[in-house]
Protein backbone atom coordinates (compact mmCIF):
# COMPACT_ATOMS: atom_id res chain seq x y z
CA UNK A 1 -8.16 -17.30 -87.07
CA UNK A 2 -7.07 -17.99 -83.28
CA UNK A 3 -5.28 -15.55 -81.50
CA UNK A 4 -1.61 -16.58 -80.37
CA UNK A 5 -0.22 -15.10 -77.14
CA UNK A 6 3.42 -14.59 -76.73
CA UNK A 7 4.83 -15.21 -73.39
CA UNK A 8 7.69 -12.97 -72.20
CA UNK A 9 9.99 -14.55 -69.83
CA UNK A 10 9.97 -12.23 -66.89
CA UNK A 11 10.75 -14.22 -63.90
CA UNK A 12 13.36 -16.47 -65.35
CA UNK A 13 16.64 -15.64 -67.03
CA UNK A 14 17.60 -18.49 -69.56
CA UNK A 15 21.34 -19.17 -70.31
CA UNK A 16 22.98 -20.81 -73.53
CA UNK A 17 22.68 -24.74 -72.56
CA UNK A 18 25.86 -25.22 -74.34
CA UNK A 19 29.10 -25.92 -72.69
CA UNK A 20 29.37 -24.10 -69.42
CA UNK A 21 25.61 -23.07 -69.53
CA UNK A 22 23.38 -22.70 -66.49
CA UNK A 23 19.90 -23.82 -65.93
CA UNK A 24 17.12 -21.03 -65.80
CA UNK A 25 17.51 -19.10 -62.33
CA UNK A 26 14.91 -16.80 -60.81
CA UNK A 27 15.45 -13.14 -60.77
CA UNK A 28 15.25 -12.40 -56.96
CA UNK A 29 15.44 -8.95 -55.48
CA UNK A 30 18.62 -8.32 -54.01
CA UNK A 31 20.03 -5.41 -51.73
CA UNK A 32 21.37 -4.80 -48.55
CA UNK A 33 23.35 -1.58 -48.54
CA UNK A 34 23.72 -0.64 -52.15
CA UNK A 35 23.80 -3.92 -54.04
CA UNK A 36 19.89 -4.24 -54.47
CA UNK A 37 17.63 -3.43 -57.25
CA UNK A 38 14.86 -1.40 -55.71
CA UNK A 39 12.83 -1.65 -59.06
CA UNK A 40 12.26 -5.31 -58.36
CA UNK A 41 11.02 -4.54 -54.95
CA UNK A 42 8.53 -1.96 -56.31
CA UNK A 43 7.16 -4.54 -58.76
CA UNK A 44 6.46 -6.69 -55.72
CA UNK A 45 4.84 -3.67 -54.10
CA UNK A 46 7.30 -3.26 -51.38
CA UNK A 47 10.04 -0.77 -50.31
CA UNK A 48 13.38 -1.78 -51.52
CA UNK A 49 16.45 -2.07 -49.08
CA UNK A 50 17.96 1.33 -50.03
CA UNK A 51 14.64 3.10 -49.77
CA UNK A 52 14.23 1.31 -46.42
CA UNK A 53 17.86 2.21 -45.25
CA UNK A 54 17.10 5.95 -46.49
CA UNK A 55 13.94 6.29 -44.45
CA UNK A 56 15.50 5.02 -41.22
CA UNK A 57 18.51 7.38 -41.74
CA UNK A 58 16.18 10.34 -42.13
CA UNK A 59 14.53 9.37 -38.75
CA UNK A 60 17.90 8.62 -37.03
CA UNK A 61 19.48 11.95 -38.43
CA UNK A 62 16.45 14.10 -37.29
CA UNK A 63 16.48 12.70 -33.74
CA UNK A 64 20.31 13.31 -33.71
CA UNK A 65 19.88 16.80 -35.05
CA UNK A 66 17.46 17.64 -32.03
CA UNK A 67 20.29 16.18 -29.61
CA UNK A 68 23.09 18.27 -31.27
CA UNK A 69 20.78 21.31 -30.81
CA UNK A 70 20.39 20.31 -27.18
CA UNK A 71 24.04 20.23 -26.74
CA UNK A 72 24.67 23.59 -28.47
CA UNK A 73 22.17 25.14 -26.03
CA UNK A 74 24.20 23.95 -23.23
CA UNK A 75 27.29 25.58 -24.92
CA UNK A 76 25.41 28.89 -25.00
CA UNK A 77 24.34 28.65 -21.57
CA UNK A 78 27.97 27.68 -20.55
CA UNK A 79 29.38 31.08 -22.32
CA UNK A 80 26.41 32.98 -20.81
CA UNK A 81 27.07 32.17 -17.33
CA UNK A 82 30.87 32.97 -17.56
CA UNK A 83 29.88 36.56 -17.13
CA UNK A 84 27.63 36.09 -14.08
CA UNK A 85 28.52 37.78 -10.87
CA UNK A 86 27.67 40.14 -8.19
CA UNK A 87 28.23 43.88 -7.40
CA UNK A 88 30.26 44.53 -4.01
CA UNK A 89 28.98 47.85 -2.70
CA UNK A 90 31.95 48.08 -0.33
CA UNK A 91 34.42 48.35 -2.98
CA UNK A 92 32.28 49.45 -5.61
CA UNK A 93 33.47 46.36 -7.91
CA UNK A 94 31.94 43.64 -9.97
CA UNK A 95 33.05 40.23 -8.60
CA UNK A 96 32.55 37.34 -11.00
CA UNK A 97 31.09 34.20 -9.84
CA UNK A 98 32.67 31.96 -12.48
CA UNK A 99 35.93 30.18 -11.19
CA UNK A 100 37.44 27.87 -13.86
CA UNK A 101 37.64 24.19 -13.02
CA UNK A 102 40.99 22.08 -13.15
CA UNK A 103 40.02 19.39 -15.28
CA UNK A 104 41.04 15.93 -14.04
CA UNK A 105 43.63 14.55 -16.46
CA UNK A 106 41.74 11.24 -17.04
CA UNK A 107 39.46 13.27 -19.12
CA UNK A 108 42.15 13.47 -21.84
CA UNK A 109 42.47 9.71 -21.67
CA UNK A 110 38.73 9.35 -22.09
CA UNK A 111 38.60 11.35 -25.02
CA UNK A 112 40.96 9.19 -26.77
CA UNK A 113 39.09 6.17 -25.78
CA UNK A 114 35.98 7.71 -27.34
CA UNK A 115 37.65 8.56 -30.46
CA UNK A 116 39.10 5.26 -30.82
CA UNK A 117 35.51 3.53 -30.24
CA UNK A 118 34.08 5.63 -32.92
CA UNK A 119 36.75 4.35 -35.28
CA UNK A 120 35.91 0.81 -34.37
CA UNK A 121 32.07 1.24 -34.78
CA UNK A 122 32.76 2.78 -38.12
CA UNK A 123 34.77 -0.20 -39.27
CA UNK A 124 31.93 -2.39 -38.04
CA UNK A 125 29.48 -0.40 -40.26
CA UNK A 126 31.54 -0.73 -43.43
CA UNK A 127 32.17 -4.44 -42.67
CA UNK A 128 28.33 -5.03 -42.46
CA UNK A 129 27.77 -3.29 -45.88
CA UNK A 130 30.93 -5.01 -47.70
CA UNK A 131 29.48 -5.89 -51.20
CA UNK A 132 30.90 -9.21 -51.45
CA UNK A 133 30.07 -10.63 -48.04
CA UNK A 134 26.50 -9.16 -48.52
CA UNK A 135 26.04 -11.07 -51.79
CA UNK A 136 27.37 -14.36 -50.08
CA UNK A 137 24.54 -13.74 -47.35
CA UNK A 138 21.82 -13.15 -50.13
CA UNK A 139 23.03 -16.42 -51.69
CA UNK A 140 22.57 -18.28 -48.38
CA UNK A 141 26.28 -18.88 -47.86
CA UNK A 142 26.43 -18.04 -44.43
CA UNK A 143 26.69 -14.59 -42.66
CA UNK A 144 30.07 -13.38 -43.50
CA UNK A 145 29.20 -9.55 -43.14
CA UNK A 146 27.77 -10.00 -39.77
CA UNK A 147 30.79 -12.25 -38.87
CA UNK A 148 33.28 -9.59 -39.83
CA UNK A 149 31.28 -6.84 -37.95
CA UNK A 150 30.72 -8.43 -34.61
CA UNK A 151 34.22 -8.28 -33.23
CA UNK A 152 34.41 -4.49 -34.01
CA UNK A 153 31.00 -3.91 -32.49
CA UNK A 154 32.36 -5.71 -29.28
CA UNK A 155 35.37 -3.67 -29.29
CA UNK A 156 33.16 -0.53 -29.62
CA UNK A 157 30.97 -1.64 -26.58
CA UNK A 158 33.99 -2.40 -24.26
CA UNK A 159 35.43 1.14 -25.25
CA UNK A 160 32.24 2.69 -24.51
CA UNK A 161 32.06 1.28 -21.05
CA UNK A 162 35.52 2.36 -20.46
CA UNK A 163 34.77 5.60 -21.25
CA UNK A 164 31.86 5.98 -18.71
CA UNK A 165 34.06 4.34 -16.02
CA UNK A 166 36.47 7.06 -16.86
CA UNK A 167 33.94 9.69 -16.47
CA UNK A 168 32.80 8.29 -12.90
CA UNK A 169 36.60 8.34 -12.02
CA UNK A 170 36.83 11.88 -13.14
CA UNK A 171 33.74 12.80 -10.92
CA UNK A 172 35.35 11.04 -7.89
CA UNK A 173 38.60 13.13 -8.38
CA UNK A 174 36.66 16.45 -8.12
CA UNK A 175 34.74 15.34 -5.33
CA UNK A 176 38.03 14.23 -3.46
CA UNK A 177 39.27 17.61 -4.17
CA UNK A 178 36.15 19.33 -2.57
CA UNK A 179 34.24 19.93 -5.73
CA UNK A 180 31.20 18.05 -5.08
CA UNK A 181 27.93 18.78 -6.83
CA UNK A 182 25.95 20.55 -3.95
CA UNK A 183 24.50 24.08 -3.32
CA UNK A 184 27.90 25.49 -2.45
CA UNK A 185 29.11 24.66 -5.88
CA UNK A 186 30.22 27.53 -8.18
CA UNK A 187 28.50 27.75 -11.65
CA UNK A 188 31.58 26.07 -13.27
CA UNK A 189 31.30 23.08 -11.09
CA UNK A 190 27.59 22.97 -11.85
CA UNK A 191 28.03 23.04 -15.60
CA UNK A 192 30.92 20.30 -15.36
CA UNK A 193 28.63 17.93 -13.88
CA UNK A 194 25.73 18.79 -15.94
CA UNK A 195 27.56 18.46 -19.28
CA UNK A 196 29.32 15.32 -18.63
CA UNK A 197 26.30 13.84 -16.96
CA UNK A 198 24.08 14.18 -19.71
CA UNK A 199 26.47 13.47 -22.29
CA UNK A 200 27.41 10.15 -20.36
CA UNK A 201 23.63 9.46 -20.03
CA UNK A 202 23.27 9.50 -23.75
CA UNK A 203 26.28 7.06 -24.14
CA UNK A 204 24.84 4.83 -21.68
CA UNK A 205 21.84 4.78 -24.07
CA UNK A 206 24.09 3.69 -26.95
CA UNK A 207 25.73 1.21 -24.74
CA UNK A 208 22.45 -0.55 -24.17
CA UNK A 209 21.50 -0.46 -27.57
CA UNK A 210 24.78 -1.72 -28.66
CA UNK A 211 24.72 -4.65 -26.34
CA UNK A 212 21.18 -5.33 -27.30
CA UNK A 213 22.16 -5.39 -31.01
CA UNK A 214 25.01 -7.84 -30.18
CA UNK A 215 22.37 -10.39 -29.25
CA UNK A 216 19.54 -9.41 -31.87
CA UNK A 217 21.71 -9.05 -34.85
CA UNK A 218 22.22 -12.76 -34.98
CA UNK A 219 18.31 -13.49 -34.86
CA UNK A 220 17.49 -11.07 -37.86
CA UNK A 221 17.21 -13.12 -41.08
CA UNK A 222 17.23 -10.44 -43.52
CA UNK A 223 20.46 -8.79 -44.49
CA UNK A 224 18.95 -5.25 -44.73
CA UNK A 225 17.74 -5.23 -41.27
CA UNK A 226 21.08 -6.06 -39.75
CA UNK A 227 22.71 -3.32 -41.78
CA UNK A 228 19.94 -0.67 -40.73
CA UNK A 229 20.61 -1.89 -37.04
CA UNK A 230 24.47 -1.31 -37.22
CA UNK A 231 24.13 1.70 -39.31
CA UNK A 232 21.78 3.51 -36.97
CA UNK A 233 24.00 2.62 -34.11
CA UNK A 234 27.13 3.70 -35.78
CA UNK A 235 25.56 7.17 -36.69
CA UNK A 236 24.28 7.50 -33.04
CA UNK A 237 27.96 6.84 -31.74
CA UNK A 238 29.58 9.43 -34.11
CA UNK A 239 27.12 12.24 -33.13
CA UNK A 240 27.85 11.50 -29.20
CA UNK A 241 31.71 11.56 -30.05
CA UNK A 242 31.34 14.81 -31.92
CA UNK A 243 29.24 16.12 -29.17
CA UNK A 244 31.78 15.42 -26.58
CA UNK A 245 34.66 17.16 -28.51
CA UNK A 246 32.41 20.22 -28.57
CA UNK A 247 31.74 19.85 -24.91
CA UNK A 248 35.04 18.97 -23.92
CA UNK A 249 36.50 21.95 -25.72
CA UNK A 250 34.24 24.29 -23.73
CA UNK A 251 35.31 22.61 -20.43
CA UNK A 252 38.97 22.76 -21.24
CA UNK A 253 38.61 26.67 -22.33
CA UNK A 254 36.47 27.43 -19.27
């Protein structure tokens, strides 16, 4: 008796061909920020969009954790040096070397600009993950998610540049008041330039990454790659904003 093989439809989905019915359609792995089915990708022997996003986030968060530990170390050094000084044998008194710095008023404006930029980059991150727009991109109906995110990324770039320019203006104001970064400076001046300079260097790196992403994102063909790029930059920007709030609070209190 001949053996009969039964075929199970795996790759196609059939609809009732009656009124309003649809022809067979391929089941394709979808994804891009929460809408994908990673089981389909695993059956294809590849990592799904969600899994890939989690892996990249783990790397980004690990790097940012190292950065935050570095900024915390600066804060510890800041407090430790506040008690430095020398002993005057003539008066038998301990004279402190720490003299608080009068913060330039523009730093308060810079802080507001940076907080606004972290809001705009978060809006961009949410736009690139908007479910309906992502589905349209997967269906080949344009790039609505990217199109909605780009203006907010551009606004973040402009605000980031304004922040760095404001920091330069603050340094110029201190220099004009006689608080230049030289060997005659007090420990408080040293720490002011050290803290603000290191943070500005980090933000300049973020500006370069953001500026490059505005060019590269349009060249990426896959939705999940564009999402990962925007997501990584957004979390980096949030971390730098949080670090600045910490450092600015130290400078304001010191």
